[in-house]
Each structure stands twice: as C-alpha cells, then as structure tokens.
Amino acid sequence: MQRFRTLVKTSSYYAVHLVVAAGVAYAVTADAVAALTLSLLEPTVQMLFFFLHEKIWEKKTQGLVHAAHGLSLPTH
C-alpha cells in the first residue's frame, strides 16, 4: 500500500510540476508549443541529472564508509 501511495504522490507532483512549468514557459515565450516542449523536456533532463547525482553521492558515501573502517575501495 505504501508503494502505491508513493506512486500516486509522485505522479501528482509530476503533474503539478508540468502545469507550473508550462505556465511559466508560456508566460516567457507566449508560444504554447514551446511551453509544452519545455515543460516536458525540463523534468526529463532533471530526472537524468538527479540519477547521476545520486550515483555520485552513493559512491562518495561508500568511499567514506570504507575509509572509516580502514578498507580500500574495490576497483571495477
């Protein structure tokens, strides 16, 4: 049930973000197609960068944990 709630909440946030982004983009460009394109493109790019950001933090955290225990990082 918690996963379903999280999925609904995420979907709701995404929808609100799209509406706000489209509104702002339209206010700036006065072009509905450009506004829709920007409102769909921006969260997609942001999602990719968030994923990369999380991977970098995960690697950094693993390094700190290994260093705290006097272990070396595995080389892949």
Protein backbone atom coordinates (compact mmCIF):
# COMPACT_ATOMS: atom_id res chain seq x y z
CA MET A 1 0.00 0.00 0.00
CA GLN A 2 2.88 2.38 0.80
CA ARG A 3 4.36 1.88 -2.70
CA PHE A 4 1.01 2.72 -4.30
CA ARG A 5 0.73 5.88 -2.19
CA THR A 6 4.26 6.88 -3.17
CA LEU A 7 3.48 6.28 -6.84
CA VAL A 8 0.30 8.38 -6.64
CA LYS A 9 2.12 11.15 -4.77
CA THR A 10 4.97 11.14 -7.31
CA SER A 11 2.53 11.25 -10.21
CA SER A 12 0.63 14.09 -8.59
CA TYR A 13 3.83 16.08 -8.04
CA TYR A 14 4.89 15.45 -11.64
CA ALA A 15 1.52 16.70 -12.94
CA VAL A 16 1.70 19.85 -10.80
CA HIS A 17 5.26 20.45 -11.95
CA LEU A 18 4.24 20.15 -15.61
CA VAL A 19 1.37 22.61 -15.21
CA VAL A 20 3.55 25.16 -13.39
CA ALA A 21 6.45 24.74 -15.83
CA ALA A 22 4.13 25.08 -18.84
CA GLY A 23 2.57 28.20 -17.32
CA VAL A 24 5.92 29.81 -16.67
CA ALA A 25 7.28 28.84 -20.09
CA TYR A 26 4.15 30.21 -21.78
CA ALA A 27 4.41 33.46 -19.81
CA VAL A 28 8.01 33.84 -21.00
CA THR A 29 7.63 32.68 -24.61
CA ALA A 30 3.93 33.33 -25.42
CA ASP A 31 4.18 30.15 -27.51
CA ALA A 32 2.08 27.14 -26.49
CA VAL A 33 4.19 24.58 -28.38
CA ALA A 34 7.44 25.91 -26.90
CA ALA A 35 5.84 25.99 -23.44
CA LEU A 36 4.68 22.38 -23.70
CA THR A 37 8.05 21.26 -25.07
CA LEU A 38 9.97 22.99 -22.28
CA SER A 39 7.62 21.71 -19.59
CA LEU A 40 8.16 18.11 -20.76
CA LEU A 41 11.87 18.44 -21.51
CA GLU A 42 12.99 20.08 -18.27
CA PRO A 43 11.75 17.43 -15.81
CA THR A 44 13.13 14.66 -18.02
CA VAL A 45 16.59 16.22 -18.08
CA GLN A 46 16.33 16.98 -14.37
CA MET A 47 15.47 13.33 -13.65
CA LEU A 48 18.58 12.14 -15.52
CA PHE A 49 20.82 14.55 -13.64
CA PHE A 50 19.22 13.56 -10.33
CA PHE A 51 20.04 9.92 -11.11
CA LEU A 52 23.68 10.83 -11.83
CA HIS A 53 23.80 12.98 -8.70
CA GLU A 54 22.55 10.06 -6.59
CA LYS A 55 25.15 7.70 -8.10
CA ILE A 56 27.95 10.16 -7.32
CA TRP A 57 26.74 10.57 -3.73
CA GLU A 58 26.41 6.81 -3.35
CA LYS A 59 29.99 6.31 -4.49
CA LYS A 60 31.24 9.08 -2.22
CA THR A 61 29.35 7.63 0.76
CA GLN A 62 30.77 4.16 0.10
CA GLY A 63 34.24 5.67 -0.01
CA LEU A 64 33.72 7.40 3.33
CA VAL A 65 32.41 4.20 4.93
CA HIS A 66 35.35 2.18 3.61
CA ALA A 67 37.82 4.85 4.73
CA ALA A 68 36.26 4.95 8.20
CA HIS A 69 36.80 1.21 8.51
CA GLY A 70 40.29 1.28 7.05
CA LEU A 71 39.25 -0.60 3.93
CA SER A 72 40.14 0.18 0.35
CA LEU A 73 37.52 0.62 -2.33
CA PRO A 74 37.05 -2.24 -4.75
CA THR A 75 38.26 -1.45 -8.25
CA HIS A 76 35.85 -2.25 -11.05
